[in-house]
Amino acid sequence: MKRFSDTARFDDPWLQSLPLEMKLAWEYVWAKCDNAGVWVRNEALADFQIGKKVNWATFVSASDGRLLEVGKSKLAIVGFVAFQCGELNPECRPHAAVITLLKSHGMFDEDTLSIEYSKGINTLQDKDKEKDQDQDTPASGEKKAHKAPAQSDDEWLCGLQTVLAYEHLNVAAEYSRAKVWCETNRRQCTRRFFTGWLNRSSADRPMTATAPKSAPNYEIPGDAFLRSQGIPI
């Protein structure tokens, strides 16, 4: 597979500080990962092809966040997709293929159209399941709290209109536009998606400061009479 490569990468102090086998491991993972920046770990083969034994656990720790584990068998290069593609656009065919790969790895958020790298050995789906279990399972000695009644869409939209960041927007009109866009593009207009929509609309149409109105200039009736008689006040 062909991909872009940063010609200035060897100037990075981080890469310079690595021992030789880890420099080679970084180049290897970059060359062997898929178009989503994910490498299915085959460390024995990597050691053989690199020609040196690599301590992969130490290498991941030494990456300083440049590599993250996805599940137990994959490594993801953080920032790989942004470097290769820029901002992902689902309507661009090459980008759509990358998005499909990201979904297969459990790393793509369809609501915000953004990449979510999992941290640790669990994928995003596993983390979501654990989060749901934690919320459903009360701690020992504690009673399970009753959930607050769900807020209706109308109440939620009215609440958004009072948020300072959105006061300059017509939230109801924006919601209508978002629903039309989602229906056209076969997407669900979830609350998370719409919040992202509002944030983008707010960035496109920033709030403008209005000058405070000056106080009206009132005149004392007696002063007006004196002025009409030519008498200085």
C-alpha atoms as a PDB file:
ATOM      1  CA  MET A   1       0.000   0.000   0.000  1.00  0.00           C
ATOM      2  CA  LYS A   2       1.166   3.515  -0.772  1.00  0.00           C
ATOM      3  CA  ARG A   3       0.949   6.207   1.868  1.00  0.00           C
ATOM      4  CA  PHE A   4       2.423   9.585   2.778  1.00  0.00           C
ATOM      5  CA  SER A   5       5.503   9.716   4.950  1.00  0.00           C
ATOM      6  CA  ASP A   6       6.895  12.658   6.921  1.00  0.00           C
ATOM      7  CA  THR A   7      10.394  13.426   5.628  1.00  0.00           C
ATOM      8  CA  ALA A   8      11.140  15.341   8.843  1.00  0.00           C
ATOM      9  CA  ARG A   9      10.338  12.435  11.151  1.00  0.00           C
ATOM     10  CA  PHE A  10      14.018  11.714  11.837  1.00  0.00           C
ATOM     11  CA  ASP A  11      14.350  15.259  13.245  1.00  0.00           C
ATOM     12  CA  ASP A  12      11.903  14.360  16.027  1.00  0.00           C
ATOM     13  CA  PRO A  13      13.821  14.222  19.347  1.00  0.00           C
ATOM     14  CA  TRP A  14      11.526  11.403  20.463  1.00  0.00           C
ATOM     15  CA  LEU A  15      12.539   9.175  17.528  1.00  0.00           C
ATOM     16  CA  GLN A  16      16.186  10.127  17.980  1.00  0.00           C
ATOM     17  CA  SER A  17      16.073   8.968  21.608  1.00  0.00           C
ATOM     18  CA  LEU A  18      14.887   5.443  20.757  1.00  0.00           C
ATOM     19  CA  PRO A  19      17.297   2.528  20.487  1.00  0.00           C
ATOM     20  CA  LEU A  20      17.874   1.161  16.987  1.00  0.00           C
ATOM     21  CA  GLU A  21      15.423  -1.746  17.243  1.00  0.00           C
ATOM     22  CA  MET A  22      12.611   0.604  18.317  1.00  0.00           C
ATOM     23  CA  LYS A  23      13.344   3.056  15.502  1.00  0.00           C
ATOM     24  CA  LEU A  24      12.997   0.110  13.114  1.00  0.00           C
ATOM     25  CA  ALA A  25       9.829  -1.040  14.901  1.00  0.00           C
ATOM     26  CA  TRP A  26       8.244   2.429  14.410  1.00  0.00           C
ATOM     27  CA  GLU A  27       9.064   2.374  10.697  1.00  0.00           C
ATOM     28  CA  TYR A  28       7.761  -1.206  10.477  1.00  0.00           C
ATOM     29  CA  VAL A  29       4.404  -0.479  12.125  1.00  0.00           C
ATOM     30  CA  TRP A  30       3.941   2.631   9.943  1.00  0.00           C
ATOM     31  CA  ALA A  31       4.616   0.563   6.804  1.00  0.00           C
ATOM     32  CA  LYS A  32       2.557  -2.472   7.824  1.00  0.00           C
ATOM     33  CA  CYS A  33      -0.561  -0.858   9.307  1.00  0.00           C
ATOM     34  CA  ASP A  34      -3.797  -0.670   7.323  1.00  0.00           C
ATOM     35  CA  ASN A  35      -5.257   2.559   5.956  1.00  0.00           C
ATOM     36  CA  ALA A  36      -6.824   3.266   9.359  1.00  0.00           C
ATOM     37  CA  GLY A  37      -3.384   3.205  11.002  1.00  0.00           C
ATOM     38  CA  VAL A  38      -4.032  -0.128  12.743  1.00  0.00           C
ATOM     39  CA  TRP A  39      -1.462  -2.941  12.771  1.00  0.00           C
ATOM     40  CA  VAL A  40      -2.549  -6.491  13.608  1.00  0.00           C
ATOM     41  CA  ARG A  41       0.228  -7.568  15.927  1.00  0.00           C
ATOM     42  CA  ASN A  42       2.537 -10.323  14.689  1.00  0.00           C
ATOM     43  CA  GLU A  43       5.565  -9.616  16.784  1.00  0.00           C
ATOM     44  CA  ALA A  44       7.476 -12.783  15.912  1.00  0.00           C
ATOM     45  CA  LEU A  45       7.250 -11.971  12.200  1.00  0.00           C
ATOM     46  CA  ALA A  46       8.117  -8.323  12.880  1.00  0.00           C
ATOM     47  CA  ASP A  47      11.241  -9.306  14.832  1.00  0.00           C
ATOM     48  CA  PHE A  48      12.274 -11.617  11.994  1.00  0.00           C
ATOM     49  CA  GLN A  49      11.742  -8.986   9.281  1.00  0.00           C
ATOM     50  CA  ILE A  50      13.343  -6.190  11.306  1.00  0.00           C
ATOM     51  CA  GLY A  51      16.298  -8.398  12.113  1.00  0.00           C
ATOM     52  CA  LYS A  52      16.323  -7.509  15.791  1.00  0.00           C
ATOM     53  CA  LYS A  53      14.401  -8.570  18.877  1.00  0.00           C
ATOM     54  CA  VAL A  54      12.035  -5.819  20.042  1.00  0.00           C
ATOM     55  CA  ASN A  55      10.554  -5.532  23.521  1.00  0.00           C
ATOM     56  CA  TRP A  56       7.089  -4.546  22.260  1.00  0.00           C
ATOM     57  CA  ALA A  57       5.592  -3.732  25.658  1.00  0.00           C
ATOM     58  CA  THR A  58       8.428  -1.306  26.338  1.00  0.00           C
ATOM     59  CA  PHE A  59       8.096   0.076  22.812  1.00  0.00           C
ATOM     60  CA  VAL A  60       4.398   0.897  23.301  1.00  0.00           C
ATOM     61  CA  SER A  61       5.165   2.583  26.634  1.00  0.00           C
ATOM     62  CA  ALA A  62       8.036   4.524  25.073  1.00  0.00           C
ATOM     63  CA  SER A  63       5.782   5.761  22.257  1.00  0.00           C
ATOM     64  CA  ASP A  64       4.465   8.437  24.617  1.00  0.00           C
ATOM     65  CA  GLY A  65       0.882   8.133  23.330  1.00  0.00           C
ATOM     66  CA  ARG A  66       1.805   7.758  19.659  1.00  0.00           C
ATOM     67  CA  LEU A  67       0.722   4.114  19.800  1.00  0.00           C
ATOM     68  CA  LEU A  68      -2.352   2.773  21.568  1.00  0.00           C
ATOM     69  CA  GLU A  69      -3.507  -0.783  22.052  1.00  0.00           C
ATOM     70  CA  VAL A  70      -6.796  -1.697  20.370  1.00  0.00           C
ATOM     71  CA  GLY A  71      -8.070  -4.873  21.942  1.00  0.00           C
ATOM     72  CA  LYS A  72      -5.375  -7.437  22.708  1.00  0.00           C
ATOM     73  CA  SER A  73      -4.074  -7.992  19.189  1.00  0.00           C
ATOM     74  CA  LYS A  74      -3.788  -4.579  17.499  1.00  0.00           C
ATOM     75  CA  LEU A  75      -1.833  -1.350  17.736  1.00  0.00           C
ATOM     76  CA  ALA A  76      -3.143   1.973  16.405  1.00  0.00           C
ATOM     77  CA  ILE A  77      -0.959   4.879  15.321  1.00  0.00           C
ATOM     78  CA  VAL A  78      -2.570   8.003  16.764  1.00  0.00           C
ATOM     79  CA  GLY A  79      -2.816  10.747  14.150  1.00  0.00           C
ATOM     80  CA  PHE A  80      -2.155   8.422  11.196  1.00  0.00           C
ATOM     81  CA  VAL A  81      -5.528   9.042   9.530  1.00  0.00           C
ATOM     82  CA  ALA A  82      -5.324  12.802  10.055  1.00  0.00           C
ATOM     83  CA  PHE A  83      -1.864  12.850   8.464  1.00  0.00           C
ATOM     84  CA  GLN A  84      -2.922  10.720   5.474  1.00  0.00           C
ATOM     85  CA  CYS A  85      -6.448  12.068   4.867  1.00  0.00           C
ATOM     86  CA  GLY A  86      -6.969  15.299   6.769  1.00  0.00           C
ATOM     87  CA  GLU A  87     -10.578  15.704   7.914  1.00  0.00           C
ATOM     88  CA  LEU A  88     -12.626  12.644   6.994  1.00  0.00           C
ATOM     89  CA  ASN A  89     -15.546  13.150   4.611  1.00  0.00           C
ATOM     90  CA  PRO A  90     -17.992  10.218   4.309  1.00  0.00           C
ATOM     91  CA  GLU A  91     -18.954  11.380   0.806  1.00  0.00           C
ATOM     92  CA  CYS A  92     -15.353  10.957  -0.423  1.00  0.00           C
ATOM     93  CA  ARG A  93     -14.892   7.355  -1.642  1.00  0.00           C
ATOM     94  CA  PRO A  94     -11.312   6.890  -0.358  1.00  0.00           C
ATOM     95  CA  HIS A  95     -12.341   8.365   2.988  1.00  0.00           C
ATOM     96  CA  ALA A  96     -15.412   6.109   3.100  1.00  0.00           C
ATOM     97  CA  ALA A  97     -13.116   3.083   2.835  1.00  0.00           C
ATOM     98  CA  VAL A  98     -11.046   4.384   5.762  1.00  0.00           C
ATOM     99  CA  ILE A  99     -14.224   4.988   7.795  1.00  0.00           C
ATOM    100  CA  THR A 100     -15.315   1.386   7.113  1.00  0.00           C
ATOM    101  CA  LEU A 101     -11.965   0.160   8.459  1.00  0.00           C
ATOM    102  CA  LEU A 102     -12.251   2.369  11.536  1.00  0.00           C
ATOM    103  CA  LYS A 103     -15.739   0.996  12.220  1.00  0.00           C
ATOM    104  CA  SER A 104     -14.437  -2.572  11.950  1.00  0.00           C
ATOM    105  CA  HIS A 105     -11.880  -1.722  14.641  1.00  0.00           C
ATOM    106  CA  GLY A 106     -14.524  -0.044  16.822  1.00  0.00           C
ATOM    107  CA  MET A 107     -12.779   3.320  16.565  1.00  0.00           C
ATOM    108  CA  PHE A 108     -15.250   5.560  14.706  1.00  0.00           C
ATOM    109  CA  ASP A 109     -17.951   7.706  16.247  1.00  0.00           C
ATOM    110  CA  GLU A 110     -20.753   8.089  13.700  1.00  0.00           C
ATOM    111  CA  ASP A 111     -22.429  10.908  15.634  1.00  0.00           C
ATOM    112  CA  THR A 112     -19.434  13.240  15.587  1.00  0.00           C
ATOM    113  CA  LEU A 113     -17.715  11.769  12.493  1.00  0.00           C
ATOM    114  CA  SER A 114     -14.526  11.501  14.523  1.00  0.00           C
ATOM    115  CA  ILE A 115     -11.987   8.854  15.503  1.00  0.00           C
ATOM    116  CA  GLU A 116     -12.027   7.579  19.062  1.00  0.00           C
ATOM    117  CA  TYR A 117      -8.881   5.718  20.022  1.00  0.00           C
ATOM    118  CA  SER A 118      -9.373   3.171  22.767  1.00  0.00           C
ATOM    119  CA  LYS A 119      -6.933   3.272  25.642  1.00  0.00           C
ATOM    120  CA  GLY A 120      -5.821   0.053  27.279  1.00  0.00           C
ATOM    121  CA  ILE A 121      -6.673  -3.467  26.157  1.00  0.00           C
ATOM    122  CA  ASN A 122     -10.408  -2.945  25.655  1.00  0.00           C
ATOM    123  CA  THR A 123     -12.058  -1.849  22.437  1.00  0.00           C
ATOM    124  CA  LEU A 124     -14.673   0.913  22.467  1.00  0.00           C
ATOM    125  CA  GLN A 125     -17.492  -1.628  22.380  1.00  0.00           C
ATOM    126  CA  ASP A 126     -16.045  -3.409  25.426  1.00  0.00           C
ATOM    127  CA  LYS A 127     -15.635  -0.103  27.259  1.00  0.00           C
ATOM    128  CA  ASP A 128     -19.235   0.862  26.529  1.00  0.00           C
ATOM    129  CA  LYS A 129     -20.440  -2.499  27.846  1.00  0.00           C
ATOM    130  CA  GLU A 130     -18.376  -2.122  31.013  1.00  0.00           C
ATOM    131  CA  LYS A 131     -19.660   1.430  31.483  1.00  0.00           C
ATOM    132  CA  ASP A 132     -23.260   0.240  31.176  1.00  0.00           C
ATOM    133  CA  GLN A 133     -22.586  -2.564  33.663  1.00  0.00           C
ATOM    134  CA  ASP A 134     -20.996  -0.125  36.117  1.00  0.00           C
ATOM    135  CA  GLN A 135     -24.020   2.142  35.881  1.00  0.00           C
ATOM    136  CA  ASP A 136     -26.471  -0.746  36.323  1.00  0.00           C
ATOM    137  CA  THR A 137     -24.598  -2.424  39.198  1.00  0.00           C
ATOM    138  CA  PRO A 138     -24.722  -0.492  42.500  1.00  0.00           C
ATOM    139  CA  ALA A 139     -21.730  -0.560  44.822  1.00  0.00           C
ATOM    140  CA  SER A 140     -21.879  -2.890  47.814  1.00  0.00           C
ATOM    141  CA  GLY A 141     -24.125  -1.533  50.535  1.00  0.00           C
ATOM    142  CA  GLU A 142     -25.722   1.010  48.213  1.00  0.00           C
ATOM    143  CA  LYS A 143     -29.242   0.952  46.879  1.00  0.00           C
ATOM    144  CA  LYS A 144     -29.712   1.329  43.153  1.00  0.00           C
ATOM    145  CA  ALA A 145     -30.704   4.919  42.452  1.00  0.00           C
ATOM    146  CA  HIS A 146     -33.884   5.540  40.517  1.00  0.00           C
ATOM    147  CA  LYS A 147     -33.307   7.074  37.120  1.00  0.00           C
ATOM    148  CA  ALA A 148     -34.706  10.537  36.551  1.00  0.00           C
ATOM    149  CA  PRO A 149     -37.603  10.660  34.095  1.00  0.00           C
ATOM    150  CA  ALA A 150     -36.435  11.040  30.523  1.00  0.00           C
ATOM    151  CA  GLN A 151     -36.535  14.571  29.182  1.00  0.00           C
ATOM    152  CA  SER A 152     -38.705  15.053  26.103  1.00  0.00           C
ATOM    153  CA  ASP A 153     -37.181  16.364  22.871  1.00  0.00           C
ATOM    154  CA  ASP A 154     -39.129  19.621  23.176  1.00  0.00           C
ATOM    155  CA  GLU A 155     -37.901  20.196  26.727  1.00  0.00           C
ATOM    156  CA  TRP A 156     -34.346  19.351  25.698  1.00  0.00           C
ATOM    157  CA  LEU A 157     -34.459  21.760  22.733  1.00  0.00           C
ATOM    158  CA  CYS A 158     -35.906  24.539  24.906  1.00  0.00           C
ATOM    159  CA  GLY A 159     -33.066  23.978  27.359  1.00  0.00           C
ATOM    160  CA  LEU A 160     -30.492  24.237  24.569  1.00  0.00           C
ATOM    161  CA  GLN A 161     -31.933  27.560  23.464  1.00  0.00           C
ATOM    162  CA  THR A 162     -31.140  29.002  26.900  1.00  0.00           C
ATOM    163  CA  VAL A 163     -27.490  27.923  26.732  1.00  0.00           C
ATOM    164  CA  LEU A 164     -25.323  31.012  26.329  1.00  0.00           C
ATOM    165  CA  ALA A 165     -23.247  29.434  23.544  1.00  0.00           C
ATOM    166  CA  TYR A 166     -26.381  28.864  21.426  1.00  0.00           C
ATOM    167  CA  GLU A 167     -28.417  32.004  22.200  1.00  0.00           C
ATOM    168  CA  HIS A 168     -27.513  33.525  18.834  1.00  0.00           C
ATOM    169  CA  LEU A 169     -28.836  30.442  17.005  1.00  0.00           C
ATOM    170  CA  ASN A 170     -32.413  29.397  16.279  1.00  0.00           C
ATOM    171  CA  VAL A 171     -32.160  25.961  17.870  1.00  0.00           C
ATOM    172  CA  ALA A 172     -35.529  24.750  16.536  1.00  0.00           C
ATOM    173  CA  ALA A 173     -34.613  25.741  12.974  1.00  0.00           C
ATOM    174  CA  GLU A 174     -31.190  24.129  13.313  1.00  0.00           C
ATOM    175  CA  TYR A 175     -32.838  20.933  14.572  1.00  0.00           C
ATOM    176  CA  SER A 176     -35.117  20.880  11.539  1.00  0.00           C
ATOM    177  CA  ARG A 177     -32.123  21.298   9.208  1.00  0.00           C
ATOM    178  CA  ALA A 178     -30.223  18.558  11.016  1.00  0.00           C
ATOM    179  CA  LYS A 179     -33.153  16.136  10.699  1.00  0.00           C
ATOM    180  CA  VAL A 180     -33.439  16.804   6.957  1.00  0.00           C
ATOM    181  CA  TRP A 181     -29.689  16.224   6.555  1.00  0.00           C
ATOM    182  CA  CYS A 182     -29.874  12.961   8.502  1.00  0.00           C
ATOM    183  CA  GLU A 183     -32.851  11.681   6.498  1.00  0.00           C
ATOM    184  CA  THR A 184     -31.033  12.495   3.253  1.00  0.00           C
ATOM    185  CA  ASN A 185     -27.839  10.788   4.412  1.00  0.00           C
ATOM    186  CA  ARG A 186     -29.539   7.880   6.197  1.00  0.00           C
ATOM    187  CA  ARG A 187     -28.288   8.874   9.620  1.00  0.00           C
ATOM    188  CA  GLN A 188     -29.926   9.109  13.013  1.00  0.00           C
ATOM    189  CA  CYS A 189     -30.329  12.593  14.434  1.00  0.00           C
ATOM    190  CA  THR A 190     -29.340  11.672  17.970  1.00  0.00           C
ATOM    191  CA  ARG A 191     -28.907  14.257  20.706  1.00  0.00           C
ATOM    192  CA  ARG A 192     -25.161  13.742  20.582  1.00  0.00           C
ATOM    193  CA  PHE A 193     -25.128  14.305  16.827  1.00  0.00           C
ATOM    194  CA  PHE A 194     -27.274  17.445  17.121  1.00  0.00           C
ATOM    195  CA  THR A 195     -25.048  18.893  19.848  1.00  0.00           C
ATOM    196  CA  GLY A 196     -22.103  18.507  17.476  1.00  0.00           C
ATOM    197  CA  TRP A 197     -24.206  20.112  14.734  1.00  0.00           C
ATOM    198  CA  LEU A 198     -24.896  23.121  16.980  1.00  0.00           C
ATOM    199  CA  ASN A 199     -21.232  23.451  17.874  1.00  0.00           C
ATOM    200  CA  ARG A 200     -20.288  23.564  14.189  1.00  0.00           C
ATOM    201  CA  SER A 201     -23.072  26.060  13.430  1.00  0.00           C
ATOM    202  CA  SER A 202     -21.967  28.228  16.345  1.00  0.00           C
ATOM    203  CA  ALA A 203     -18.391  28.187  15.043  1.00  0.00           C
ATOM    204  CA  ASP A 204     -19.603  29.220  11.568  1.00  0.00           C
ATOM    205  CA  ARG A 205     -21.773  31.994  12.993  1.00  0.00           C
ATOM    206  CA  PRO A 206     -20.005  33.387  16.080  1.00  0.00           C
ATOM    207  CA  MET A 207     -21.787  35.669  18.508  1.00  0.00           C
ATOM    208  CA  THR A 208     -21.376  39.378  17.829  1.00  0.00           C
ATOM    209  CA  ALA A 209     -21.098  41.816  20.697  1.00  0.00           C
ATOM    210  CA  THR A 210     -23.692  44.597  20.710  1.00  0.00           C
ATOM    211  CA  ALA A 211     -22.851  48.059  21.984  1.00  0.00           C
ATOM    212  CA  PRO A 212     -24.826  49.015  25.116  1.00  0.00           C
ATOM    213  CA  LYS A 213     -27.587  51.496  24.560  1.00  0.00           C
ATOM    214  CA  SER A 214     -26.890  54.979  25.916  1.00  0.00           C
ATOM    215  CA  ALA A 215     -29.186  56.270  28.609  1.00  0.00           C
ATOM    216  CA  PRO A 216     -31.888  58.733  27.414  1.00  0.00           C
ATOM    217  CA  ASN A 217     -31.054  62.407  27.929  1.00  0.00           C
ATOM    218  CA  TYR A 218     -33.789  63.814  30.175  1.00  0.00           C
ATOM    219  CA  GLU A 219     -34.094  67.612  30.786  1.00  0.00           C
ATOM    220  CA  ILE A 220     -35.522  69.234  33.874  1.00  0.00           C
ATOM    221  CA  PRO A 221     -38.669  71.255  32.878  1.00  0.00           C
ATOM    222  CA  GLY A 222     -37.449  74.389  34.766  1.00  0.00           C
ATOM    223  CA  ASP A 223     -34.168  74.380  32.831  1.00  0.00           C
ATOM    224  CA  ALA A 224     -36.056  74.267  29.550  1.00  0.00           C
ATOM    225  CA  PHE A 225     -38.090  77.399  30.548  1.00  0.00           C
ATOM    226  CA  LEU A 226     -35.000  79.373  31.603  1.00  0.00           C
ATOM    227  CA  ARG A 227     -33.233  78.448  28.381  1.00  0.00           C
ATOM    228  CA  SER A 228     -36.248  79.663  26.346  1.00  0.00           C
ATOM    229  CA  GLN A 229     -36.023  83.073  28.139  1.00  0.00           C
ATOM    230  CA  GLY A 230     -32.347  83.430  27.348  1.00  0.00           C
ATOM    231  CA  ILE A 231     -31.409  83.102  31.016  1.00  0.00           C
ATOM    232  CA  PRO A 232     -28.167  81.136  31.504  1.00  0.00           C
ATOM    233  CA  ILE A 233     -28.476  78.056  33.685  1.00  0.00           C
END
